[in-house]
């Protein structure tokens, strides 16, 4: 899932796995392909649930 920011257009600020306890109240589900695209484009991965590791995205 993705956590959008605040403001005009609400761009995504962080990607989480589906059951992450650290996700904020503003969140929406996204398909795996979109989560991968967001992570590779520079959107931050949650340091608690580590969606980048679960989606097998390496630095």
N, C-alpha and C. Protein backbone atom coordinates (compact mmCIF):
# COMPACT_ATOMS: atom_id res chain seq x y z
N UNK A 1 0.85 -1.17 0.00
CA UNK A 1 0.00 0.00 0.00
C UNK A 1 0.89 1.23 0.00
N UNK A 2 0.30 2.35 -0.38
CA UNK A 2 1.05 3.59 -0.47
C UNK A 2 0.43 4.62 0.46
N UNK A 3 1.29 5.42 1.07
CA UNK A 3 0.85 6.49 1.96
C UNK A 3 1.05 7.81 1.22
N UNK A 4 -0.05 8.49 0.87
CA UNK A 4 0.09 9.76 0.16
C UNK A 4 0.46 10.89 1.11
N UNK A 5 1.07 11.91 0.55
CA UNK A 5 1.42 13.08 1.34
C UNK A 5 0.23 14.00 1.52
N UNK A 6 0.52 15.19 1.98
CA UNK A 6 -0.52 16.19 2.19
C UNK A 6 -0.32 17.28 1.14
N UNK A 7 -1.41 17.77 0.60
CA UNK A 7 -1.30 18.89 -0.31
C UNK A 7 -1.78 18.59 -1.70
N UNK A 8 -1.45 19.49 -2.60
CA UNK A 8 -1.91 19.44 -3.97
C UNK A 8 -1.47 18.16 -4.68
N UNK A 9 -2.42 17.37 -5.11
CA UNK A 9 -2.11 16.13 -5.82
C UNK A 9 -1.76 14.96 -4.92
N UNK A 10 -1.42 15.23 -3.68
CA UNK A 10 -1.06 14.21 -2.69
C UNK A 10 -0.13 13.14 -3.25
N UNK A 11 1.09 13.52 -3.62
CA UNK A 11 2.03 12.53 -4.13
C UNK A 11 2.40 11.51 -3.05
N UNK A 12 2.71 10.28 -3.44
CA UNK A 12 3.07 9.26 -2.45
C UNK A 12 4.39 9.60 -1.75
N UNK A 13 4.42 9.36 -0.44
CA UNK A 13 5.63 9.62 0.31
C UNK A 13 6.29 8.36 0.85
N UNK A 14 5.52 7.27 0.97
CA UNK A 14 6.09 6.04 1.53
C UNK A 14 5.28 4.83 1.08
N UNK A 15 5.99 3.72 0.85
CA UNK A 15 5.36 2.45 0.47
C UNK A 15 5.45 1.50 1.65
N UNK A 16 4.35 0.79 1.93
CA UNK A 16 4.26 -0.16 3.03
C UNK A 16 3.75 -1.50 2.51
N UNK A 17 3.96 -2.56 3.27
CA UNK A 17 3.30 -3.83 2.98
C UNK A 17 1.87 -3.73 3.52
N UNK A 18 1.03 -4.66 3.14
CA UNK A 18 -0.39 -4.60 3.49
C UNK A 18 -0.71 -4.56 4.96
N UNK A 19 0.04 -5.22 5.79
CA UNK A 19 -0.29 -5.29 7.21
C UNK A 19 0.61 -4.46 8.10
N UNK A 20 1.25 -3.46 7.56
CA UNK A 20 2.22 -2.67 8.34
C UNK A 20 1.54 -1.85 9.43
N UNK A 21 2.04 -1.98 10.64
CA UNK A 21 1.50 -1.23 11.78
C UNK A 21 1.94 0.23 11.76
N UNK A 22 2.97 0.56 11.00
CA UNK A 22 3.51 1.92 10.99
C UNK A 22 2.88 2.81 9.91
N UNK A 23 2.01 2.25 9.09
CA UNK A 23 1.36 3.04 8.05
C UNK A 23 0.43 4.06 8.69
N UNK A 24 0.41 5.25 8.14
CA UNK A 24 -0.46 6.30 8.65
C UNK A 24 -1.92 6.06 8.29
N UNK A 25 -2.76 6.99 8.67
CA UNK A 25 -4.19 6.86 8.39
C UNK A 25 -4.50 7.09 6.92
N UNK A 26 -3.69 7.92 6.27
CA UNK A 26 -3.88 8.17 4.83
C UNK A 26 -3.13 7.08 4.07
N UNK A 27 -3.83 6.16 3.51
CA UNK A 27 -3.19 5.09 2.76
C UNK A 27 -4.17 4.51 1.76
N UNK A 28 -3.63 3.90 0.73
CA UNK A 28 -4.48 3.25 -0.27
C UNK A 28 -3.75 2.04 -0.82
N UNK A 29 -4.48 1.01 -1.15
CA UNK A 29 -3.84 -0.19 -1.71
C UNK A 29 -3.39 0.07 -3.15
N UNK A 30 -2.30 -0.55 -3.52
CA UNK A 30 -1.79 -0.47 -4.89
C UNK A 30 -1.35 -1.87 -5.32
N UNK A 31 -1.40 -2.16 -6.61
CA UNK A 31 -0.89 -3.45 -7.09
C UNK A 31 0.63 -3.53 -6.91
N UNK A 32 1.14 -4.75 -6.88
CA UNK A 32 2.58 -4.96 -6.71
C UNK A 32 3.41 -4.22 -7.74
N UNK A 33 2.95 -4.21 -8.99
CA UNK A 33 3.71 -3.54 -10.05
C UNK A 33 3.83 -2.04 -9.79
N UNK A 34 2.76 -1.43 -9.30
CA UNK A 34 2.83 0.00 -8.99
C UNK A 34 3.74 0.25 -7.80
N UNK A 35 3.69 -0.61 -6.80
CA UNK A 35 4.58 -0.47 -5.64
C UNK A 35 6.04 -0.57 -6.08
N UNK A 36 6.34 -1.51 -6.96
CA UNK A 36 7.71 -1.64 -7.49
C UNK A 36 8.12 -0.37 -8.23
N UNK A 37 7.22 0.13 -9.08
CA UNK A 37 7.51 1.33 -9.85
C UNK A 37 7.78 2.52 -8.93
N UNK A 38 6.96 2.68 -7.89
CA UNK A 38 7.15 3.78 -6.95
C UNK A 38 8.48 3.66 -6.21
N UNK A 39 8.81 2.46 -5.77
CA UNK A 39 10.06 2.26 -5.04
C UNK A 39 11.28 2.52 -5.92
N UNK A 40 11.22 2.08 -7.16
CA UNK A 40 12.37 2.30 -8.05
C UNK A 40 12.46 3.75 -8.53
N UNK A 41 11.36 4.51 -8.40
CA UNK A 41 11.40 5.91 -8.81
C UNK A 41 11.81 6.83 -7.66
N UNK A 42 12.06 6.26 -6.48
CA UNK A 42 12.59 7.06 -5.38
C UNK A 42 11.66 7.28 -4.21
N UNK A 43 10.44 6.73 -4.25
CA UNK A 43 9.55 6.85 -3.09
C UNK A 43 10.13 5.99 -1.96
N UNK A 44 10.13 6.52 -0.77
CA UNK A 44 10.74 5.87 0.38
C UNK A 44 10.03 4.57 0.75
N UNK A 45 10.79 3.56 1.12
CA UNK A 45 10.25 2.29 1.62
C UNK A 45 10.19 2.37 3.14
N UNK A 46 9.12 1.89 3.72
CA UNK A 46 8.98 1.86 5.17
C UNK A 46 10.12 1.04 5.78
N UNK A 47 10.73 1.58 6.82
CA UNK A 47 11.84 0.88 7.46
C UNK A 47 11.37 -0.20 8.42
N UNK A 48 10.08 -0.23 8.73
CA UNK A 48 9.54 -1.24 9.64
C UNK A 48 9.15 -2.52 8.89
N UNK A 49 8.38 -2.37 7.81
CA UNK A 49 7.88 -3.56 7.10
C UNK A 49 8.73 -3.94 5.89
N UNK A 50 9.60 -3.05 5.43
CA UNK A 50 10.55 -3.30 4.35
C UNK A 50 9.91 -3.87 3.07
N UNK A 51 9.02 -3.10 2.44
CA UNK A 51 8.38 -3.60 1.22
C UNK A 51 9.36 -3.83 0.08
N UNK A 52 10.47 -3.09 0.05
CA UNK A 52 11.47 -3.29 -0.99
C UNK A 52 12.09 -4.68 -0.91
N UNK A 53 12.33 -5.15 0.30
CA UNK A 53 12.89 -6.51 0.46
C UNK A 53 11.86 -7.56 0.10
N UNK A 54 10.61 -7.34 0.47
CA UNK A 54 9.56 -8.31 0.16
C UNK A 54 9.27 -8.39 -1.33
N UNK A 55 9.45 -7.25 -2.02
CA UNK A 55 9.24 -7.23 -3.47
C UNK A 55 10.53 -7.54 -4.24
N UNK A 56 11.59 -7.85 -3.49
CA UNK A 56 12.89 -8.21 -4.05
C UNK A 56 13.48 -7.11 -4.94
N UNK A 57 13.45 -5.89 -4.41
CA UNK A 57 14.06 -4.77 -5.11
C UNK A 57 15.39 -4.48 -4.40
N UNK A 58 16.46 -4.56 -5.15
CA UNK A 58 17.79 -4.32 -4.61
C UNK A 58 18.22 -2.91 -4.94
N UNK A 59 19.08 -2.33 -4.11
CA UNK A 59 19.60 -0.97 -4.36
C UNK A 59 20.38 -0.89 -5.64
